[in-house]
Amino acid sequence: MTQFEKITESRETLGAFLTALPVIHGPWDTEFQARFCADCLYLGCDACPHEEFRNNPGWWLTLEAGNDQAAAEEREEK
């Protein structure tokens, strides 16, 4: 079994692998911010009602690829 085959056995395994990477900002962060932070009424992030999705590539892997990610990438470029 190759490393690729091992880390892509399941969404959970791939999510755990991505979580372990020492990245400052991943595409899951961009999508989280676009979906939950843009219209957030909370004054701080300490009590985020969407904490389960923050820094969670496993959540991001469940999303449909396409328009949402393209829009998020477009916002990131601006």
Protein backbone atom coordinates (compact mmCIF):
# COMPACT_ATOMS: atom_id res chain seq x y z
CA MET A 1 0.00 0.00 0.00
CA THR A 2 1.36 3.44 -0.93
CA GLN A 3 1.29 6.49 1.34
CA PHE A 4 -1.37 8.00 -0.94
CA GLU A 5 -3.56 4.91 -0.64
CA LYS A 6 -3.13 4.93 3.14
CA ILE A 7 -4.11 8.57 3.69
CA THR A 8 -7.02 8.38 1.24
CA GLU A 9 -8.58 5.23 2.71
CA SER A 10 -11.39 7.32 4.15
CA ARG A 11 -12.49 10.91 4.59
CA GLU A 12 -11.62 10.65 8.29
CA THR A 13 -8.08 9.43 7.58
CA LEU A 14 -7.48 12.17 5.03
CA GLY A 15 -8.96 14.77 7.39
CA ALA A 16 -6.64 13.63 10.20
CA PHE A 17 -3.66 13.82 7.85
CA LEU A 18 -4.57 17.35 6.73
CA THR A 19 -5.12 18.44 10.34
CA ALA A 20 -1.61 17.24 11.22
CA LEU A 21 0.03 19.39 8.53
CA PRO A 22 1.70 22.51 9.93
CA VAL A 23 -0.18 25.00 7.75
CA ILE A 24 -1.15 28.47 8.85
CA HIS A 25 -4.11 28.78 6.51
CA GLY A 26 -5.72 26.05 4.44
CA PRO A 27 -8.63 26.03 2.00
CA TRP A 28 -10.88 24.77 4.81
CA ASP A 29 -10.13 27.99 6.71
CA THR A 30 -11.10 30.11 3.71
CA GLU A 31 -14.37 28.23 3.33
CA PHE A 32 -15.09 28.46 7.07
CA GLN A 33 -14.55 32.21 7.03
CA ALA A 34 -16.70 32.66 3.92
CA ARG A 35 -19.58 30.61 5.35
CA PHE A 36 -19.54 31.56 9.00
CA CYS A 37 -17.45 34.69 9.67
CA ALA A 38 -18.61 37.08 6.95
CA ASP A 39 -21.95 37.86 8.62
CA CYS A 40 -21.07 36.90 12.18
CA LEU A 41 -22.61 39.01 14.93
CA TYR A 42 -20.29 37.75 17.70
CA LEU A 43 -17.75 40.24 18.99
CA GLY A 44 -15.06 37.62 19.48
CA CYS A 45 -14.23 34.15 18.33
CA ASP A 46 -14.00 32.66 21.83
CA ALA A 47 -17.68 31.66 21.81
CA CYS A 48 -18.02 30.75 18.14
CA PRO A 49 -21.22 28.78 17.57
CA HIS A 50 -19.50 27.01 14.67
CA GLU A 51 -16.37 25.93 16.53
CA GLU A 52 -16.77 22.32 15.38
CA PHE A 53 -16.00 23.44 11.82
CA ARG A 54 -13.05 25.77 12.60
CA ASN A 55 -9.65 24.34 11.57
CA ASN A 56 -11.46 21.19 10.51
CA PRO A 57 -10.42 19.81 7.12
CA GLY A 58 -12.70 16.82 7.79
CA TRP A 59 -15.70 19.15 7.53
CA TRP A 60 -14.30 20.77 4.40
CA LEU A 61 -13.88 17.36 2.75
CA THR A 62 -17.66 16.81 3.02
CA LEU A 63 -18.44 19.90 0.91
CA GLU A 64 -19.30 19.73 -2.76
CA ALA A 65 -16.49 21.02 -4.94
CA GLY A 66 -17.40 23.79 -7.33
CA ASN A 67 -18.98 27.20 -7.04
CA ASP A 68 -18.50 27.71 -3.29
CA GLN A 69 -14.77 27.07 -3.47
CA ALA A 70 -14.37 29.16 -6.61
CA ALA A 71 -16.16 32.05 -4.91
CA ALA A 72 -14.02 31.67 -1.80
CA GLU A 73 -10.83 31.68 -3.86
CA GLU A 74 -12.02 34.79 -5.67
CA ARG A 75 -12.66 36.54 -2.34
CA GLU A 76 -9.24 35.49 -1.09
CA GLU A 77 -7.53 37.05 -4.13
CA LYS A 78 -9.13 40.46 -3.47
